[in-house]
Amino acid sequence: MQKIITTIMFMLLMGNINAQSRFSKNELSINGFRNPSIGAEFRHDQISVHAGYYPTAFKAGENTNFVKIGFTTWFLPVGNKENPSSFYAGSSYLRGLSRDYKGKNALGTEIGFRWMVYRGLNLRIGAITVTAKGQSFKINPAPGVSYSFFFK
């Protein structure tokens, strides 16, 4: 019985999270630094897809580079701006381009917060986990700088 009540409460909470949405209908972001990648991202409602080049440092002073393609879900908008800051979570396919990951497939999972600084300028802070066959599980900070264009 407790599992049923917990499930119902979770479903009601998720419904409320989505009901609070003040997101624009569509958004195109040009990502200039790291999160989600150096590339582009398109959001429709609360789901976005992205693709680009992803550099990260698993060891101090050693960059490991990937091609990164994935999706993100946006939730819990905060603030009174027309385009609010919000939390995000996503998953990505990564293809290694260098070091121990060269030619390897990996899975990236991330969570964080995007702060809408001014108009379309936004900063992200989050964390990413990276897993790949034959490699140890990695957790890394995932900052980002982007500029977004909002439209209907």
C-alpha atoms as a PDB file:
ATOM      1  CA  MET A   1       0.000   0.000   0.000  1.00  0.00           C
ATOM      2  CA  GLN A   2       2.857   2.383   0.832  1.00  0.00           C
ATOM      3  CA  LYS A   3       4.326   1.847  -2.654  1.00  0.00           C
ATOM      4  CA  ILE A   4       1.006   2.778  -4.268  1.00  0.00           C
ATOM      5  CA  ILE A   5       0.701   5.966  -2.182  1.00  0.00           C
ATOM      6  CA  THR A   6       4.321   6.900  -2.958  1.00  0.00           C
ATOM      7  CA  THR A   7       3.729   6.338  -6.677  1.00  0.00           C
ATOM      8  CA  ILE A   8       0.561   8.451  -6.672  1.00  0.00           C
ATOM      9  CA  MET A   9       2.316  11.255  -4.752  1.00  0.00           C
ATOM     10  CA  PHE A  10       5.214  11.167  -7.238  1.00  0.00           C
ATOM     11  CA  MET A  11       2.823  11.369 -10.198  1.00  0.00           C
ATOM     12  CA  LEU A  12       0.995  14.324  -8.658  1.00  0.00           C
ATOM     13  CA  LEU A  13       4.293  16.090  -7.971  1.00  0.00           C
ATOM     14  CA  MET A  14       5.485  15.538 -11.553  1.00  0.00           C
ATOM     15  CA  GLY A  15       2.156  16.889 -12.834  1.00  0.00           C
ATOM     16  CA  ASN A  16       2.607  20.019 -10.728  1.00  0.00           C
ATOM     17  CA  ILE A  17       6.180  20.497 -11.940  1.00  0.00           C
ATOM     18  CA  ASN A  18       5.037  20.426 -15.563  1.00  0.00           C
ATOM     19  CA  ALA A  19       1.975  22.591 -14.825  1.00  0.00           C
ATOM     20  CA  GLN A  20       4.223  25.400 -13.564  1.00  0.00           C
ATOM     21  CA  SER A  21       5.895  25.680 -16.957  1.00  0.00           C
ATOM     22  CA  ARG A  22       6.581  29.197 -18.178  1.00  0.00           C
ATOM     23  CA  PHE A  23       9.018  28.103 -20.856  1.00  0.00           C
ATOM     24  CA  SER A  24       8.864  29.594 -24.325  1.00  0.00           C
ATOM     25  CA  LYS A  25       7.577  27.267 -27.033  1.00  0.00           C
ATOM     26  CA  ASN A  26      10.918  27.026 -28.880  1.00  0.00           C
ATOM     27  CA  GLU A  27      14.530  27.982 -28.193  1.00  0.00           C
ATOM     28  CA  LEU A  28      17.727  27.768 -30.204  1.00  0.00           C
ATOM     29  CA  SER A  29      20.968  27.994 -28.206  1.00  0.00           C
ATOM     30  CA  ILE A  30      24.498  28.507 -29.443  1.00  0.00           C
ATOM     31  CA  ASN A  31      26.704  26.889 -26.822  1.00  0.00           C
ATOM     32  CA  GLY A  32      30.163  28.390 -26.536  1.00  0.00           C
ATOM     33  CA  PHE A  33      31.621  26.495 -23.610  1.00  0.00           C
ATOM     34  CA  ARG A  34      31.377  22.878 -22.597  1.00  0.00           C
ATOM     35  CA  ASN A  35      27.846  22.245 -21.298  1.00  0.00           C
ATOM     36  CA  PRO A  36      26.064  20.582 -22.981  1.00  0.00           C
ATOM     37  CA  SER A  37      28.750  20.866 -25.708  1.00  0.00           C
ATOM     38  CA  ILE A  38      30.350  23.462 -27.947  1.00  0.00           C
ATOM     39  CA  GLY A  39      27.646  23.405 -30.589  1.00  0.00           C
ATOM     40  CA  ALA A  40      23.911  23.935 -30.862  1.00  0.00           C
ATOM     41  CA  GLU A  41      20.804  22.976 -28.933  1.00  0.00           C
ATOM     42  CA  PHE A  42      17.130  23.161 -29.893  1.00  0.00           C
ATOM     43  CA  ARG A  43      14.396  23.091 -27.248  1.00  0.00           C
ATOM     44  CA  HIS A  44      10.682  22.518 -27.893  1.00  0.00           C
ATOM     45  CA  ASP A  45       8.532  22.984 -24.783  1.00  0.00           C
ATOM     46  CA  GLN A  46      10.533  21.200 -22.049  1.00  0.00           C
ATOM     47  CA  ILE A  47      12.654  18.807 -24.139  1.00  0.00           C
ATOM     48  CA  SER A  48      15.805  19.754 -26.043  1.00  0.00           C
ATOM     49  CA  VAL A  49      18.296  17.988 -28.314  1.00  0.00           C
ATOM     50  CA  HIS A  50      21.915  19.033 -28.687  1.00  0.00           C
ATOM     51  CA  ALA A  51      25.032  18.143 -30.655  1.00  0.00           C
ATOM     52  CA  GLY A  52      28.625  19.339 -30.639  1.00  0.00           C
ATOM     53  CA  TYR A  53      32.196  18.997 -29.444  1.00  0.00           C
ATOM     54  CA  TYR A  54      32.706  18.220 -25.732  1.00  0.00           C
ATOM     55  CA  PRO A  55      36.109  18.744 -24.048  1.00  0.00           C
ATOM     56  CA  THR A  56      36.569  17.695 -20.425  1.00  0.00           C
ATOM     57  CA  ALA A  57      39.431  17.095 -17.996  1.00  0.00           C
ATOM     58  CA  PHE A  58      39.250  13.837 -16.055  1.00  0.00           C
ATOM     59  CA  LYS A  59      42.818  14.500 -14.859  1.00  0.00           C
ATOM     60  CA  ALA A  60      44.360  17.894 -14.106  1.00  0.00           C
ATOM     61  CA  GLY A  61      45.979  19.345 -17.223  1.00  0.00           C
ATOM     62  CA  GLU A  62      44.769  16.570 -19.570  1.00  0.00           C
ATOM     63  CA  ASN A  63      41.813  17.258 -21.864  1.00  0.00           C
ATOM     64  CA  THR A  64      39.770  14.369 -23.192  1.00  0.00           C
ATOM     65  CA  ASN A  65      37.617  15.234 -26.205  1.00  0.00           C
ATOM     66  CA  PHE A  66      34.314  13.815 -27.429  1.00  0.00           C
ATOM     67  CA  VAL A  67      31.596  14.317 -29.997  1.00  0.00           C
ATOM     68  CA  LYS A  68      28.392  14.580 -27.957  1.00  0.00           C
ATOM     69  CA  ILE A  69      24.742  14.107 -29.004  1.00  0.00           C
ATOM     70  CA  GLY A  70      21.865  13.962 -26.550  1.00  0.00           C
ATOM     71  CA  PHE A  71      18.661  15.230 -25.031  1.00  0.00           C
ATOM     72  CA  THR A  72      17.750  17.315 -21.999  1.00  0.00           C
ATOM     73  CA  THR A  73      14.567  17.825 -20.041  1.00  0.00           C
ATOM     74  CA  TRP A  74      13.877  21.165 -18.337  1.00  0.00           C
ATOM     75  CA  PHE A  75      11.884  21.583 -15.126  1.00  0.00           C
ATOM     76  CA  LEU A  76      11.144  23.829 -12.140  1.00  0.00           C
ATOM     77  CA  PRO A  77      11.449  27.279 -13.750  1.00  0.00           C
ATOM     78  CA  VAL A  78      12.410  29.969 -11.219  1.00  0.00           C
ATOM     79  CA  GLY A  79      12.299  33.750 -11.267  1.00  0.00           C
ATOM     80  CA  ASN A  80      10.014  36.325 -12.834  1.00  0.00           C
ATOM     81  CA  LYS A  81      11.804  36.802 -16.164  1.00  0.00           C
ATOM     82  CA  GLU A  82      10.041  36.129 -19.441  1.00  0.00           C
ATOM     83  CA  ASN A  83      12.536  33.303 -20.020  1.00  0.00           C
ATOM     84  CA  PRO A  84      13.145  31.878 -16.550  1.00  0.00           C
ATOM     85  CA  SER A  85      16.150  30.136 -15.067  1.00  0.00           C
ATOM     86  CA  SER A  86      15.526  26.424 -14.503  1.00  0.00           C
ATOM     87  CA  PHE A  87      16.865  23.021 -13.574  1.00  0.00           C
ATOM     88  CA  TYR A  88      17.757  20.386 -16.168  1.00  0.00           C
ATOM     89  CA  ALA A  89      18.645  16.703 -16.494  1.00  0.00           C
ATOM     90  CA  GLY A  90      19.794  14.851 -19.569  1.00  0.00           C
ATOM     91  CA  SER A  91      21.542  11.955 -21.183  1.00  0.00           C
ATOM     92  CA  SER A  92      24.011  11.861 -24.076  1.00  0.00           C
ATOM     93  CA  TYR A  93      25.931   9.572 -26.380  1.00  0.00           C
ATOM     94  CA  LEU A  94      29.627  10.456 -26.450  1.00  0.00           C
ATOM     95  CA  ARG A  95      32.186   9.264 -29.012  1.00  0.00           C
ATOM     96  CA  GLY A  96      35.768   9.557 -27.803  1.00  0.00           C
ATOM     97  CA  LEU A  97      38.233  11.521 -29.928  1.00  0.00           C
ATOM     98  CA  SER A  98      41.338  11.387 -27.730  1.00  0.00           C
ATOM     99  CA  ARG A  99      43.282   9.730 -24.911  1.00  0.00           C
ATOM    100  CA  ASP A 100      41.840   6.590 -23.290  1.00  0.00           C
ATOM    101  CA  TYR A 101      38.453   7.190 -24.930  1.00  0.00           C
ATOM    102  CA  LYS A 102      39.647   7.461 -28.552  1.00  0.00           C
ATOM    103  CA  GLY A 103      37.231   5.501 -30.744  1.00  0.00           C
ATOM    104  CA  LYS A 104      35.116   4.414 -27.753  1.00  0.00           C
ATOM    105  CA  ASN A 105      31.417   4.887 -27.119  1.00  0.00           C
ATOM    106  CA  ALA A 106      30.346   6.380 -23.791  1.00  0.00           C
ATOM    107  CA  LEU A 107      27.185   7.407 -21.975  1.00  0.00           C
ATOM    108  CA  GLY A 108      26.932  10.776 -20.261  1.00  0.00           C
ATOM    109  CA  THR A 109      24.247  11.687 -17.732  1.00  0.00           C
ATOM    110  CA  GLU A 110      23.993  15.192 -16.320  1.00  0.00           C
ATOM    111  CA  ILE A 111      21.989  17.352 -13.975  1.00  0.00           C
ATOM    112  CA  GLY A 112      22.262  21.021 -13.099  1.00  0.00           C
ATOM    113  CA  PHE A 113      20.885  24.551 -13.116  1.00  0.00           C
ATOM    114  CA  ARG A 114      20.748  27.154 -15.895  1.00  0.00           C
ATOM    115  CA  TRP A 115      20.789  30.801 -14.818  1.00  0.00           C
ATOM    116  CA  MET A 116      19.349  33.253 -17.355  1.00  0.00           C
ATOM    117  CA  VAL A 117      21.712  36.197 -16.811  1.00  0.00           C
ATOM    118  CA  TYR A 118      20.527  38.809 -19.317  1.00  0.00           C
ATOM    119  CA  ARG A 119      18.215  38.373 -22.304  1.00  0.00           C
ATOM    120  CA  GLY A 120      19.537  35.237 -24.029  1.00  0.00           C
ATOM    121  CA  LEU A 121      22.857  34.999 -22.157  1.00  0.00           C
ATOM    122  CA  ASN A 122      22.837  32.055 -19.770  1.00  0.00           C
ATOM    123  CA  LEU A 123      25.266  30.199 -17.530  1.00  0.00           C
ATOM    124  CA  ARG A 124      25.013  26.556 -16.498  1.00  0.00           C
ATOM    125  CA  ILE A 125      26.487  24.734 -13.549  1.00  0.00           C
ATOM    126  CA  GLY A 126      26.039  21.027 -13.196  1.00  0.00           C
ATOM    127  CA  ALA A 127      27.658  17.641 -12.980  1.00  0.00           C
ATOM    128  CA  ILE A 128      28.119  14.925 -15.560  1.00  0.00           C
ATOM    129  CA  THR A 129      28.791  11.224 -15.127  1.00  0.00           C
ATOM    130  CA  VAL A 130      30.595   9.390 -17.921  1.00  0.00           C
ATOM    131  CA  THR A 131      30.633   5.627 -18.311  1.00  0.00           C
ATOM    132  CA  ALA A 132      32.355   3.586 -21.018  1.00  0.00           C
ATOM    133  CA  LYS A 133      33.323  -0.044 -21.422  1.00  0.00           C
ATOM    134  CA  GLY A 134      36.798  -0.639 -20.026  1.00  0.00           C
ATOM    135  CA  GLN A 135      36.923   2.738 -18.233  1.00  0.00           C
ATOM    136  CA  SER A 136      36.223   3.713 -14.648  1.00  0.00           C
ATOM    137  CA  PHE A 137      33.058   5.633 -13.789  1.00  0.00           C
ATOM    138  CA  LYS A 138      33.766   9.387 -13.890  1.00  0.00           C
ATOM    139  CA  ILE A 139      31.975  12.362 -12.302  1.00  0.00           C
ATOM    140  CA  ASN A 140      32.953  15.845 -13.442  1.00  0.00           C
ATOM    141  CA  PRO A 141      31.710  19.408 -13.035  1.00  0.00           C
ATOM    142  CA  ALA A 142      29.922  20.675 -16.132  1.00  0.00           C
ATOM    143  CA  PRO A 143      29.860  24.472 -16.459  1.00  0.00           C
ATOM    144  CA  GLY A 144      28.549  26.155 -19.585  1.00  0.00           C
ATOM    145  CA  VAL A 145      28.020  29.486 -21.336  1.00  0.00           C
ATOM    146  CA  SER A 146      25.357  29.894 -24.032  1.00  0.00           C
ATOM    147  CA  TYR A 147      23.278  32.450 -25.867  1.00  0.00           C
ATOM    148  CA  SER A 148      19.667  31.561 -26.614  1.00  0.00           C
ATOM    149  CA  PHE A 149      17.129  32.817 -29.144  1.00  0.00           C
ATOM    150  CA  PHE A 150      13.470  32.346 -28.157  1.00  0.00           C
ATOM    151  CA  PHE A 151      10.593  32.104 -30.632  1.00  0.00           C
ATOM    152  CA  LYS A 152       7.089  30.754 -31.076  1.00  0.00           C
END
